Amino acid sequence: MSKLTPHEQKVCEVIQKQPELTKRGIGSRLGISHHTVDFHLRKIYDKTGIHNKTALAANLSKSTPT
């Protein structure tokens, strides 16, 4: 996922750590609005071919070594 912007990567980090958070919750953690989170998620989905937050969280947990 190196093609993501730094902001998109931050959104992914929050989703990976707390996949249950809503867009408002993610925004609260990052100090941005839920509309901005939605914008970043749409860009992430376009770039990765993943189309929902649950699938994104699963993909992130698979791609990160433990």
PDB file of N, CA and C in Angstrom:
ATOM      1  N   MET A   1       0.808  -1.191   0.000  1.00  0.00           N
ATOM      2  CA  MET A   1       0.000   0.000   0.000  1.00  0.00           C
ATOM      3  C   MET A   1       0.855   1.260   0.000  1.00  0.00           C
ATOM      4  N   SER A   2       2.009   1.178  -0.583  1.00  0.00           N
ATOM      5  CA  SER A   2       2.921   2.320  -0.604  1.00  0.00           C
ATOM      6  C   SER A   2       2.418   3.462  -1.477  1.00  0.00           C
ATOM      7  N   LYS A   3       1.426   3.216  -2.319  1.00  0.00           N
ATOM      8  CA  LYS A   3       0.918   4.267  -3.186  1.00  0.00           C
ATOM      9  C   LYS A   3      -0.072   5.200  -2.483  1.00  0.00           C
ATOM     10  N   LEU A   4      -0.333   4.951  -1.211  1.00  0.00           N
ATOM     11  CA  LEU A   4      -1.244   5.801  -0.457  1.00  0.00           C
ATOM     12  C   LEU A   4      -0.532   7.050   0.046  1.00  0.00           C
ATOM     13  N   THR A   5      -1.286   8.135   0.153  1.00  0.00           N
ATOM     14  CA  THR A   5      -0.730   9.369   0.696  1.00  0.00           C
ATOM     15  C   THR A   5      -0.533   9.207   2.209  1.00  0.00           C
ATOM     16  N   PRO A   6       0.242  10.092   2.821  1.00  0.00           N
ATOM     17  CA  PRO A   6       0.415  10.009   4.275  1.00  0.00           C
ATOM     18  C   PRO A   6      -0.911  10.080   5.044  1.00  0.00           C
ATOM     19  N   HIS A   7      -1.846  10.903   4.593  1.00  0.00           N
ATOM     20  CA  HIS A   7      -3.149  10.997   5.263  1.00  0.00           C
ATOM     21  C   HIS A   7      -3.932   9.693   5.120  1.00  0.00           C
ATOM     22  N   GLU A   8      -3.890   9.110   3.936  1.00  0.00           N
ATOM     23  CA  GLU A   8      -4.568   7.834   3.705  1.00  0.00           C
ATOM     24  C   GLU A   8      -3.940   6.739   4.567  1.00  0.00           C
ATOM     25  N   GLN A   9      -2.627   6.775   4.697  1.00  0.00           N
ATOM     26  CA  GLN A   9      -1.947   5.788   5.538  1.00  0.00           C
ATOM     27  C   GLN A   9      -2.357   5.926   6.997  1.00  0.00           C
ATOM     28  N   LYS A  10      -2.537   7.165   7.465  1.00  0.00           N
ATOM     29  CA  LYS A  10      -2.975   7.378   8.849  1.00  0.00           C
ATOM     30  C   LYS A  10      -4.376   6.815   9.065  1.00  0.00           C
ATOM     31  N   VAL A  11      -5.255   7.017   8.101  1.00  0.00           N
ATOM     32  CA  VAL A  11      -6.603   6.454   8.194  1.00  0.00           C
ATOM     33  C   VAL A  11      -6.509   4.925   8.256  1.00  0.00           C
ATOM     34  N   CYS A  12      -5.674   4.337   7.444  1.00  0.00           N
ATOM     35  CA  CYS A  12      -5.490   2.879   7.452  1.00  0.00           C
ATOM     36  C   CYS A  12      -4.948   2.392   8.791  1.00  0.00           C
ATOM     37  N   GLU A  13      -4.027   3.127   9.368  1.00  0.00           N
ATOM     38  CA  GLU A  13      -3.467   2.739  10.666  1.00  0.00           C
ATOM     39  C   GLU A  13      -4.545   2.690  11.742  1.00  0.00           C
ATOM     40  N   VAL A  14      -5.412   3.689  11.748  1.00  0.00           N
ATOM     41  CA  VAL A  14      -6.501   3.704  12.735  1.00  0.00           C
ATOM     42  C   VAL A  14      -7.447   2.534  12.489  1.00  0.00           C
ATOM     43  N   ILE A  15      -7.786   2.285  11.241  1.00  0.00           N
ATOM     44  CA  ILE A  15      -8.691   1.174  10.904  1.00  0.00           C
ATOM     45  C   ILE A  15      -8.067  -0.156  11.294  1.00  0.00           C
ATOM     46  N   GLN A  16      -6.779  -0.289  11.088  1.00  0.00           N
ATOM     47  CA  GLN A  16      -6.102  -1.532  11.440  1.00  0.00           C
ATOM     48  C   GLN A  16      -6.135  -1.761  12.952  1.00  0.00           C
ATOM     49  N   LYS A  17      -5.926  -0.711  13.724  1.00  0.00           N
ATOM     50  CA  LYS A  17      -5.895  -0.839  15.177  1.00  0.00           C
ATOM     51  C   LYS A  17      -7.288  -0.956  15.785  1.00  0.00           C
ATOM     52  N   GLN A  18      -8.259  -0.260  15.193  1.00  0.00           N
ATOM     53  CA  GLN A  18      -9.618  -0.244  15.729  1.00  0.00           C
ATOM     54  C   GLN A  18     -10.636  -0.304  14.592  1.00  0.00           C
ATOM     55  N   PRO A  19     -10.782  -1.472  13.977  1.00  0.00           N
ATOM     56  CA  PRO A  19     -11.671  -1.589  12.807  1.00  0.00           C
ATOM     57  C   PRO A  19     -13.141  -1.325  13.116  1.00  0.00           C
ATOM     58  N   GLU A  20     -13.506  -1.362  14.389  1.00  0.00           N
ATOM     59  CA  GLU A  20     -14.913  -1.151  14.750  1.00  0.00           C
ATOM     60  C   GLU A  20     -15.322   0.316  14.744  1.00  0.00           C
ATOM     61  N   LEU A  21     -14.358   1.218  14.650  1.00  0.00           N
ATOM     62  CA  LEU A  21     -14.675   2.651  14.691  1.00  0.00           C
ATOM     63  C   LEU A  21     -15.479   3.089  13.466  1.00  0.00           C
ATOM     64  N   THR A  22     -16.379   4.011  13.700  1.00  0.00           N
ATOM     65  CA  THR A  22     -17.123   4.627  12.609  1.00  0.00           C
ATOM     66  C   THR A  22     -16.243   5.704  11.966  1.00  0.00           C
ATOM     67  N   LYS A  23     -16.731   6.277  10.890  1.00  0.00           N
ATOM     68  CA  LYS A  23     -16.000   7.378  10.257  1.00  0.00           C
ATOM     69  C   LYS A  23     -15.838   8.539  11.234  1.00  0.00           C
ATOM     70  N   ARG A  24     -16.866   8.785  12.041  1.00  0.00           N
ATOM     71  CA  ARG A  24     -16.764   9.842  13.062  1.00  0.00           C
ATOM     72  C   ARG A  24     -15.686   9.506  14.088  1.00  0.00           C
ATOM     73  N   GLY A  25     -15.622   8.251  14.489  1.00  0.00           N
ATOM     74  CA  GLY A  25     -14.619   7.816  15.451  1.00  0.00           C
ATOM     75  C   GLY A  25     -13.206   7.932  14.896  1.00  0.00           C
ATOM     76  N   ILE A  26     -13.044   7.559  13.644  1.00  0.00           N
ATOM     77  CA  ILE A  26     -11.732   7.682  12.988  1.00  0.00           C
ATOM     78  C   ILE A  26     -11.351   9.157  12.912  1.00  0.00           C
ATOM     79  N   GLY A  27     -12.304   9.980  12.505  1.00  0.00           N
ATOM     80  CA  GLY A  27     -12.054  11.415  12.418  1.00  0.00           C
ATOM     81  C   GLY A  27     -11.670  12.006  13.760  1.00  0.00           C
ATOM     82  N   SER A  28     -12.343  11.568  14.801  1.00  0.00           N
ATOM     83  CA  SER A  28     -12.041  12.053  16.145  1.00  0.00           C
ATOM     84  C   SER A  28     -10.615  11.686  16.543  1.00  0.00           C
ATOM     85  N   ARG A  29     -10.204  10.480  16.236  1.00  0.00           N
ATOM     86  CA  ARG A  29      -8.838  10.035  16.567  1.00  0.00           C
ATOM     87  C   ARG A  29      -7.788  10.854  15.814  1.00  0.00           C
ATOM     88  N   LEU A  30      -8.115  11.244  14.582  1.00  0.00           N
ATOM     89  CA  LEU A  30      -7.138  11.943  13.739  1.00  0.00           C
ATOM     90  C   LEU A  30      -7.301  13.464  13.760  1.00  0.00           C
ATOM     91  N   GLY A  31      -8.358  13.946  14.410  1.00  0.00           N
ATOM     92  CA  GLY A  31      -8.585  15.387  14.455  1.00  0.00           C
ATOM     93  C   GLY A  31      -9.073  15.961  13.128  1.00  0.00           C
ATOM     94  N   ILE A  32      -9.835  15.147  12.386  1.00  0.00           N
ATOM     95  CA  ILE A  32     -10.398  15.578  11.108  1.00  0.00           C
ATOM     96  C   ILE A  32     -11.895  15.256  11.105  1.00  0.00           C
ATOM     97  N   SER A  33     -12.631  15.817  10.168  1.00  0.00           N
ATOM     98  CA  SER A  33     -14.068  15.560  10.113  1.00  0.00           C
ATOM     99  C   SER A  33     -14.351  14.182   9.507  1.00  0.00           C
ATOM    100  N   HIS A  34     -15.553  13.676   9.782  1.00  0.00           N
ATOM    101  CA  HIS A  34     -15.939  12.398   9.187  1.00  0.00           C
ATOM    102  C   HIS A  34     -16.072  12.514   7.673  1.00  0.00           C
ATOM    103  N   HIS A  35     -16.335  13.721   7.178  1.00  0.00           N
ATOM    104  CA  HIS A  35     -16.387  13.926   5.725  1.00  0.00           C
ATOM    105  C   HIS A  35     -15.002  13.738   5.113  1.00  0.00           C
ATOM    106  N   THR A  36     -13.979  14.216   5.807  1.00  0.00           N
ATOM    107  CA  THR A  36     -12.607  14.042   5.336  1.00  0.00           C
ATOM    108  C   THR A  36     -12.218  12.570   5.383  1.00  0.00           C
ATOM    109  N   VAL A  37     -12.630  11.873   6.432  1.00  0.00           N
ATOM    110  CA  VAL A  37     -12.375  10.427   6.514  1.00  0.00           C
ATOM    111  C   VAL A  37     -13.032   9.737   5.331  1.00  0.00           C
ATOM    112  N   ASP A  38     -14.267  10.090   5.025  1.00  0.00           N
ATOM    113  CA  ASP A  38     -14.976   9.498   3.891  1.00  0.00           C
ATOM    114  C   ASP A  38     -14.222   9.747   2.588  1.00  0.00           C
ATOM    115  N   PHE A  39     -13.721  10.964   2.414  1.00  0.00           N
ATOM    116  CA  PHE A  39     -12.937  11.302   1.220  1.00  0.00           C
ATOM    117  C   PHE A  39     -11.709  10.398   1.119  1.00  0.00           C
ATOM    118  N   HIS A  40     -10.972  10.282   2.217  1.00  0.00           N
ATOM    119  CA  HIS A  40      -9.768   9.445   2.211  1.00  0.00           C
ATOM    120  C   HIS A  40     -10.115   7.976   1.959  1.00  0.00           C
ATOM    121  N   LEU A  41     -11.194   7.505   2.567  1.00  0.00           N
ATOM    122  CA  LEU A  41     -11.590   6.111   2.347  1.00  0.00           C
ATOM    123  C   LEU A  41     -11.945   5.849   0.888  1.00  0.00           C
ATOM    124  N   ARG A  42     -12.655   6.776   0.256  1.00  0.00           N
ATOM    125  CA  ARG A  42     -12.988   6.588  -1.164  1.00  0.00           C
ATOM    126  C   ARG A  42     -11.722   6.508  -2.008  1.00  0.00           C
ATOM    127  N   LYS A  43     -10.736   7.342  -1.690  1.00  0.00           N
ATOM    128  CA  LYS A  43      -9.463   7.302  -2.425  1.00  0.00           C
ATOM    129  C   LYS A  43      -8.726   5.983  -2.170  1.00  0.00           C
ATOM    130  N   ILE A  44      -8.745   5.532  -0.913  1.00  0.00           N
ATOM    131  CA  ILE A  44      -8.108   4.255  -0.561  1.00  0.00           C
ATOM    132  C   ILE A  44      -8.784   3.120  -1.313  1.00  0.00           C
ATOM    133  N   TYR A  45     -10.120   3.112  -1.324  1.00  0.00           N
ATOM    134  CA  TYR A  45     -10.855   2.064  -2.027  1.00  0.00           C
ATOM    135  C   TYR A  45     -10.526   2.067  -3.524  1.00  0.00           C
ATOM    136  N   ASP A  46     -10.458   3.251  -4.123  1.00  0.00           N
ATOM    137  CA  ASP A  46     -10.115   3.341  -5.545  1.00  0.00           C
ATOM    138  C   ASP A  46      -8.729   2.787  -5.822  1.00  0.00           C
ATOM    139  N   LYS A  47      -7.781   3.109  -4.965  1.00  0.00           N
ATOM    140  CA  LYS A  47      -6.388   2.701  -5.180  1.00  0.00           C
ATOM    141  C   LYS A  47      -6.152   1.218  -4.905  1.00  0.00           C
ATOM    142  N   THR A  48      -6.906   0.654  -3.954  1.00  0.00           N
ATOM    143  CA  THR A  48      -6.657  -0.732  -3.556  1.00  0.00           C
ATOM    144  C   THR A  48      -7.606  -1.733  -4.188  1.00  0.00           C
ATOM    145  N   GLY A  49      -8.730  -1.253  -4.707  1.00  0.00           N
ATOM    146  CA  GLY A  49      -9.732  -2.169  -5.241  1.00  0.00           C
ATOM    147  C   GLY A  49     -10.583  -2.798  -4.148  1.00  0.00           C
ATOM    148  N   ILE A  50     -10.400  -2.349  -2.920  1.00  0.00           N
ATOM    149  CA  ILE A  50     -11.204  -2.811  -1.792  1.00  0.00           C
ATOM    150  C   ILE A  50     -12.372  -1.839  -1.665  1.00  0.00           C
ATOM    151  N   HIS A  51     -13.553  -2.365  -1.334  1.00  0.00           N
ATOM    152  CA  HIS A  51     -14.726  -1.504  -1.399  1.00  0.00           C
ATOM    153  C   HIS A  51     -15.488  -1.330  -0.093  1.00  0.00           C
ATOM    154  N   ASN A  52     -14.909  -1.771   1.037  1.00  0.00           N
ATOM    155  CA  ASN A  52     -15.535  -1.483   2.328  1.00  0.00           C
ATOM    156  C   ASN A  52     -14.504  -1.554   3.441  1.00  0.00           C
ATOM    157  N   LYS A  53     -14.848  -0.962   4.568  1.00  0.00           N
ATOM    158  CA  LYS A  53     -13.918  -0.824   5.684  1.00  0.00           C
ATOM    159  C   LYS A  53     -13.572  -2.173   6.309  1.00  0.00           C
ATOM    160  N   THR A  54     -14.528  -3.094   6.355  1.00  0.00           N
ATOM    161  CA  THR A  54     -14.290  -4.418   6.921  1.00  0.00           C
ATOM    162  C   THR A  54     -13.249  -5.171   6.107  1.00  0.00           C
ATOM    163  N   ALA A  55     -13.403  -5.151   4.788  1.00  0.00           N
ATOM    164  CA  ALA A  55     -12.436  -5.821   3.913  1.00  0.00           C
ATOM    165  C   ALA A  55     -11.074  -5.141   3.993  1.00  0.00           C
ATOM    166  N   LEU A  56     -11.068  -3.823   4.115  1.00  0.00           N
ATOM    167  CA  LEU A  56      -9.810  -3.090   4.243  1.00  0.00           C
ATOM    168  C   LEU A  56      -9.092  -3.503   5.520  1.00  0.00           C
ATOM    169  N   ALA A  57      -9.815  -3.562   6.635  1.00  0.00           N
ATOM    170  CA  ALA A  57      -9.218  -3.971   7.912  1.00  0.00           C
ATOM    171  C   ALA A  57      -8.648  -5.389   7.817  1.00  0.00           C
ATOM    172  N   ALA A  58      -9.376  -6.292   7.185  1.00  0.00           N
ATOM    173  CA  ALA A  58      -8.901  -7.670   7.035  1.00  0.00           C
ATOM    174  C   ALA A  58      -7.647  -7.709   6.175  1.00  0.00           C
ATOM    175  N   ASN A  59      -7.633  -6.936   5.102  1.00  0.00           N
ATOM    176  CA  ASN A  59      -6.474  -6.895   4.226  1.00  0.00           C
ATOM    177  C   ASN A  59      -5.263  -6.301   4.942  1.00  0.00           C
ATOM    178  N   LEU A  60      -5.481  -5.279   5.734  1.00  0.00           N
ATOM    179  CA  LEU A  60      -4.386  -4.649   6.465  1.00  0.00           C
ATOM    180  C   LEU A  60      -3.801  -5.610   7.499  1.00  0.00           C
ATOM    181  N   SER A  61      -4.651  -6.377   8.169  1.00  0.00           N
ATOM    182  CA  SER A  61      -4.139  -7.296   9.184  1.00  0.00           C
ATOM    183  C   SER A  61      -3.373  -8.447   8.540  1.00  0.00           C
ATOM    184  N   LYS A  62      -3.731  -8.837   7.319  1.00  0.00           N
ATOM    185  CA  LYS A  62      -2.996  -9.886   6.596  1.00  0.00           C
ATOM    186  C   LYS A  62      -1.649  -9.404   6.131  1.00  0.00           C
ATOM    187  N   SER A  63      -1.578  -8.123   5.720  1.00  0.00           N
ATOM    188  CA  SER A  63      -0.349  -7.624   5.113  1.00  0.00           C
ATOM    189  C   SER A  63       0.681  -7.127   6.121  1.00  0.00           C
ATOM    190  N   THR A  64       0.305  -7.050   7.396  1.00  0.00           N
ATOM    191  CA  THR A  64       1.220  -6.574   8.419  1.00  0.00           C
ATOM    192  C   THR A  64       1.807  -7.756   9.170  1.00  0.00           C
ATOM    193  N   PRO A  65       3.137  -7.878   9.166  1.00  0.00           N
ATOM    194  CA  PRO A  65       3.758  -8.991   9.888  1.00  0.00           C
ATOM    195  C   PRO A  65       3.547  -8.847  11.399  1.00  0.00           C
ATOM    196  N   THR A  66       3.344  -9.983  12.047  1.00  0.00           N
ATOM    197  CA  THR A  66       3.137  -9.947  13.497  1.00  0.00           C
ATOM    198  C   THR A  66       4.357 -10.384  14.245  1.00  0.00           C
TER     199      THR A  66
END
